[in-house]
Amino acid sequence: MFQLLQPLVHTIQPYLVPICFCLTWGLILLAGLTIWSTITHSVAIAKRMHQIPCTHCQFFTADYRLKCTVHPSVANTEAAINCSDYCPNNSRVSTTW
């Protein structure tokens, strides 16, 4: 069987080193691009998550059973980024009677 493939192997042999070199560098570049893409995607998600204002809101309870007294289903999710009922902790509603 090898005697039938011997002429083919001798014909391809000078090209094997450049082919393997290019394939190896291609795999290294592909791995590098995948890692870079993962890092940039993770940073974008982290920036988006840091826009959630729930922990600084006066209605946030920090209790795992009821996180927000106004919108408990949306608390600490991306839907809470533009919450219309957001009220910072340090501001007090002044009531004059």
N, C-alpha and C. Protein backbone atom coordinates (compact mmCIF):
# COMPACT_ATOMS: atom_id res chain seq x y z
N MET A 1 0.82 -1.19 0.00
CA MET A 1 0.00 0.00 0.00
C MET A 1 0.87 1.26 0.00
N PHE A 2 1.93 1.23 0.82
CA PHE A 2 2.81 2.40 0.89
C PHE A 2 3.52 2.63 -0.44
N GLN A 3 3.79 1.57 -1.18
CA GLN A 3 4.48 1.73 -2.47
C GLN A 3 3.61 2.49 -3.46
N LEU A 4 2.29 2.39 -3.31
CA LEU A 4 1.41 3.14 -4.20
C LEU A 4 1.38 4.63 -3.83
N LEU A 5 1.52 4.93 -2.53
CA LEU A 5 1.48 6.31 -2.07
C LEU A 5 2.85 6.98 -2.07
N GLN A 6 3.92 6.22 -2.26
CA GLN A 6 5.27 6.77 -2.18
C GLN A 6 5.52 7.88 -3.19
N PRO A 7 5.09 7.78 -4.44
CA PRO A 7 5.31 8.92 -5.36
C PRO A 7 4.53 10.16 -4.95
N LEU A 8 3.35 9.96 -4.41
CA LEU A 8 2.55 11.10 -3.96
C LEU A 8 3.19 11.79 -2.75
N VAL A 9 3.71 11.00 -1.82
CA VAL A 9 4.37 11.56 -0.64
C VAL A 9 5.62 12.32 -1.04
N HIS A 10 6.39 11.80 -1.96
CA HIS A 10 7.61 12.48 -2.41
C HIS A 10 7.28 13.77 -3.18
N THR A 11 6.14 13.81 -3.83
CA THR A 11 5.74 15.01 -4.56
C THR A 11 5.28 16.11 -3.61
N ILE A 12 4.54 15.74 -2.56
CA ILE A 12 3.98 16.71 -1.62
C ILE A 12 5.00 17.14 -0.56
N GLN A 13 5.99 16.36 -0.29
CA GLN A 13 6.92 16.59 0.83
C GLN A 13 7.56 17.98 0.84
N PRO A 14 7.98 18.58 -0.26
CA PRO A 14 8.58 19.92 -0.18
C PRO A 14 7.58 21.01 0.24
N TYR A 15 6.29 20.75 0.05
CA TYR A 15 5.26 21.74 0.37
C TYR A 15 4.67 21.57 1.77
N LEU A 16 5.00 20.47 2.45
CA LEU A 16 4.41 20.21 3.76
C LEU A 16 4.85 21.22 4.82
N VAL A 17 6.11 21.61 4.84
CA VAL A 17 6.59 22.55 5.84
C VAL A 17 5.90 23.91 5.70
N PRO A 18 5.83 24.52 4.50
CA PRO A 18 5.12 25.81 4.40
C PRO A 18 3.63 25.70 4.72
N ILE A 19 3.00 24.59 4.31
CA ILE A 19 1.58 24.40 4.60
C ILE A 19 1.35 24.30 6.10
N CYS A 20 2.15 23.50 6.78
CA CYS A 20 2.01 23.36 8.23
C CYS A 20 2.32 24.67 8.95
N PHE A 21 3.30 25.42 8.46
CA PHE A 21 3.64 26.72 9.05
C PHE A 21 2.45 27.67 8.95
N CYS A 22 1.84 27.76 7.76
CA CYS A 22 0.70 28.65 7.57
C CYS A 22 -0.51 28.20 8.39
N LEU A 23 -0.76 26.90 8.45
CA LEU A 23 -1.88 26.40 9.24
C LEU A 23 -1.68 26.68 10.73
N THR A 24 -0.46 26.53 11.22
CA THR A 24 -0.18 26.79 12.63
C THR A 24 -0.41 28.26 12.96
N TRP A 25 0.12 29.16 12.14
CA TRP A 25 -0.08 30.58 12.39
C TRP A 25 -1.54 30.98 12.22
N GLY A 26 -2.23 30.33 11.31
CA GLY A 26 -3.67 30.59 11.15
C GLY A 26 -4.44 30.21 12.40
N LEU A 27 -4.10 29.07 12.99
CA LEU A 27 -4.77 28.65 14.22
C LEU A 27 -4.43 29.59 15.39
N ILE A 28 -3.19 30.04 15.45
CA ILE A 28 -2.80 30.98 16.50
C ILE A 28 -3.55 32.30 16.35
N LEU A 29 -3.66 32.80 15.12
CA LEU A 29 -4.41 34.04 14.88
C LEU A 29 -5.90 33.86 15.19
N LEU A 30 -6.45 32.72 14.82
CA LEU A 30 -7.85 32.44 15.12
C LEU A 30 -8.10 32.39 16.62
N ALA A 31 -7.22 31.76 17.36
CA ALA A 31 -7.35 31.72 18.82
C ALA A 31 -7.22 33.12 19.42
N GLY A 32 -6.28 33.91 18.91
CA GLY A 32 -6.12 35.28 19.40
C GLY A 32 -7.34 36.14 19.12
N LEU A 33 -7.91 36.03 17.92
CA LEU A 33 -9.11 36.79 17.59
C LEU A 33 -10.30 36.36 18.44
N THR A 34 -10.39 35.08 18.73
CA THR A 34 -11.48 34.58 19.57
C THR A 34 -11.35 35.13 20.99
N ILE A 35 -10.15 35.13 21.51
CA ILE A 35 -9.92 35.68 22.86
C ILE A 35 -10.22 37.17 22.87
N TRP A 36 -9.77 37.91 21.86
CA TRP A 36 -10.02 39.35 21.79
C TRP A 36 -11.52 39.63 21.69
N SER A 37 -12.23 38.87 20.88
CA SER A 37 -13.67 39.05 20.74
C SER A 37 -14.39 38.77 22.05
N THR A 38 -13.97 37.74 22.77
CA THR A 38 -14.58 37.41 24.05
C THR A 38 -14.35 38.52 25.07
N ILE A 39 -13.15 39.06 25.10
CA ILE A 39 -12.83 40.13 26.05
C ILE A 39 -13.66 41.38 25.74
N THR A 40 -13.73 41.79 24.49
CA THR A 40 -14.48 43.00 24.15
C THR A 40 -15.97 42.81 24.41
N HIS A 41 -16.49 41.62 24.15
CA HIS A 41 -17.90 41.34 24.42
C HIS A 41 -18.18 41.38 25.92
N SER A 42 -17.29 40.83 26.72
CA SER A 42 -17.46 40.84 28.17
C SER A 42 -17.39 42.25 28.74
N VAL A 43 -16.50 43.07 28.22
CA VAL A 43 -16.40 44.46 28.68
C VAL A 43 -17.67 45.22 28.32
N ALA A 44 -18.22 44.99 27.15
CA ALA A 44 -19.45 45.67 26.76
C ALA A 44 -20.61 45.27 27.67
N ILE A 45 -20.70 44.00 28.01
CA ILE A 45 -21.75 43.54 28.92
C ILE A 45 -21.55 44.12 30.31
N ALA A 46 -20.31 44.18 30.77
CA ALA A 46 -20.04 44.74 32.10
C ALA A 46 -20.40 46.22 32.16
N LYS A 47 -20.10 46.97 31.10
CA LYS A 47 -20.47 48.39 31.07
C LYS A 47 -21.98 48.55 31.12
N ARG A 48 -22.68 47.69 30.41
CA ARG A 48 -24.16 47.75 30.40
C ARG A 48 -24.71 47.42 31.78
N MET A 49 -24.15 46.43 32.46
CA MET A 49 -24.64 46.04 33.78
C MET A 49 -24.35 47.11 34.83
N HIS A 50 -23.29 47.88 34.65
CA HIS A 50 -22.97 48.93 35.60
C HIS A 50 -23.88 50.15 35.46
N GLN A 51 -24.73 50.15 34.45
CA GLN A 51 -25.68 51.24 34.28
C GLN A 51 -26.96 51.01 35.08
N ILE A 52 -27.11 49.83 35.67
CA ILE A 52 -28.32 49.53 36.44
C ILE A 52 -28.25 50.30 37.76
N PRO A 53 -29.22 51.20 38.00
CA PRO A 53 -29.14 52.07 39.17
C PRO A 53 -29.81 51.52 40.42
N CYS A 54 -30.27 50.30 40.42
CA CYS A 54 -31.11 49.78 41.51
C CYS A 54 -30.47 49.89 42.89
N THR A 55 -29.21 49.60 43.02
CA THR A 55 -28.61 49.58 44.36
C THR A 55 -28.51 50.97 44.98
N HIS A 56 -28.66 52.02 44.19
CA HIS A 56 -28.60 53.39 44.70
C HIS A 56 -29.98 54.02 44.85
N CYS A 57 -31.02 53.24 44.63
CA CYS A 57 -32.39 53.75 44.68
C CYS A 57 -32.95 53.62 46.10
N GLN A 58 -33.83 54.52 46.46
CA GLN A 58 -34.39 54.48 47.80
C GLN A 58 -35.40 53.34 47.95
N PHE A 59 -35.93 52.83 46.86
CA PHE A 59 -36.89 51.73 46.92
C PHE A 59 -36.22 50.36 46.92
N PHE A 60 -34.91 50.30 46.80
CA PHE A 60 -34.17 49.04 46.79
C PHE A 60 -34.00 48.55 48.23
N THR A 61 -34.38 47.29 48.48
CA THR A 61 -34.36 46.77 49.84
C THR A 61 -33.14 45.91 50.15
N ALA A 62 -32.44 45.41 49.15
CA ALA A 62 -31.28 44.53 49.30
C ALA A 62 -31.67 43.20 49.95
N ASP A 63 -32.92 42.85 49.87
CA ASP A 63 -33.40 41.57 50.37
C ASP A 63 -33.67 40.68 49.16
N TYR A 64 -33.20 39.44 49.20
CA TYR A 64 -33.32 38.58 48.03
C TYR A 64 -34.78 38.22 47.73
N ARG A 65 -35.66 38.35 48.70
CA ARG A 65 -37.06 38.02 48.47
C ARG A 65 -37.81 39.15 47.79
N LEU A 66 -37.50 40.38 48.14
CA LEU A 66 -38.13 41.55 47.54
C LEU A 66 -37.06 42.61 47.34
N LYS A 67 -36.51 42.66 46.13
CA LYS A 67 -35.40 43.58 45.87
C LYS A 67 -35.86 45.01 45.72
N CYS A 68 -37.02 45.19 45.13
CA CYS A 68 -37.53 46.54 44.91
C CYS A 68 -39.01 46.55 45.30
N THR A 69 -39.41 47.57 46.02
CA THR A 69 -40.80 47.64 46.45
C THR A 69 -41.73 48.16 45.37
N VAL A 70 -41.19 48.84 44.36
CA VAL A 70 -42.02 49.40 43.30
C VAL A 70 -42.11 48.45 42.10
N HIS A 71 -40.95 47.96 41.63
CA HIS A 71 -40.90 47.05 40.48
C HIS A 71 -40.09 45.81 40.84
N PRO A 72 -40.64 44.88 41.57
CA PRO A 72 -39.86 43.72 42.01
C PRO A 72 -39.45 42.78 40.87
N SER A 73 -40.20 42.75 39.78
CA SER A 73 -39.87 41.82 38.70
C SER A 73 -38.74 42.33 37.81
N VAL A 74 -38.48 43.63 37.84
CA VAL A 74 -37.44 44.20 36.98
C VAL A 74 -36.20 44.62 37.75
N ALA A 75 -36.21 44.49 39.04
CA ALA A 75 -35.08 44.95 39.86
C ALA A 75 -33.80 44.19 39.50
N ASN A 76 -32.72 44.94 39.36
CA ASN A 76 -31.38 44.42 39.04
C ASN A 76 -31.32 43.71 37.69
N THR A 77 -32.15 44.11 36.75
CA THR A 77 -32.07 43.58 35.38
C THR A 77 -31.82 44.74 34.43
N GLU A 78 -31.58 44.43 33.17
CA GLU A 78 -31.34 45.48 32.18
C GLU A 78 -32.58 46.33 31.95
N ALA A 79 -33.75 45.80 32.24
CA ALA A 79 -34.99 46.56 32.07
C ALA A 79 -35.07 47.71 33.07
N ALA A 80 -34.29 47.67 34.13
CA ALA A 80 -34.33 48.71 35.15
C ALA A 80 -33.38 49.87 34.86
N ILE A 81 -32.70 49.85 33.74
CA ILE A 81 -31.72 50.91 33.45
C ILE A 81 -32.41 52.26 33.33
N ASN A 82 -33.52 52.33 32.66
CA ASN A 82 -34.25 53.60 32.52
C ASN A 82 -35.53 53.58 33.35
N CYS A 83 -35.42 53.20 34.58
CA CYS A 83 -36.57 53.08 35.46
C CYS A 83 -37.17 54.47 35.71
N SER A 84 -38.46 54.59 35.49
CA SER A 84 -39.11 55.89 35.65
C SER A 84 -39.32 56.25 37.12
N ASP A 85 -39.28 55.26 38.01
CA ASP A 85 -39.50 55.51 39.43
C ASP A 85 -38.21 55.58 40.23
N TYR A 86 -37.08 55.69 39.55
CA TYR A 86 -35.79 55.75 40.25
C TYR A 86 -35.71 57.01 41.09
N CYS A 87 -35.34 56.84 42.35
CA CYS A 87 -35.17 57.97 43.26
C CYS A 87 -33.91 57.71 44.08
N PRO A 88 -32.88 58.53 43.94
CA PRO A 88 -31.63 58.28 44.67
C PRO A 88 -31.82 58.27 46.18
N ASN A 89 -30.97 57.54 46.87
CA ASN A 89 -31.04 57.42 48.33
C ASN A 89 -30.88 58.75 49.04
N ASN A 90 -29.99 59.60 48.57
CA ASN A 90 -29.67 60.81 49.31
C ASN A 90 -30.72 61.91 49.16
N SER A 91 -31.61 61.81 48.19
CA SER A 91 -32.63 62.86 48.04
C SER A 91 -33.85 62.47 48.86
N ARG A 92 -34.34 63.40 49.60
CA ARG A 92 -35.55 63.20 50.41
C ARG A 92 -36.69 64.02 49.82
N VAL A 93 -37.82 63.42 49.81
CA VAL A 93 -39.00 64.13 49.31
C VAL A 93 -39.46 65.06 50.42
N SER A 94 -39.49 66.34 50.10
CA SER A 94 -39.91 67.30 51.11
C SER A 94 -41.42 67.45 51.10
N THR A 95 -42.00 67.26 52.23
CA THR A 95 -43.43 67.42 52.35
C THR A 95 -43.70 68.59 53.30
N THR A 96 -44.42 69.54 52.78
CA THR A 96 -44.78 70.70 53.61
C THR A 96 -46.26 70.61 53.90
N TRP A 97 -46.59 70.58 55.13
CA TRP A 97 -47.99 70.49 55.55
C TRP A 97 -48.48 71.77 56.01
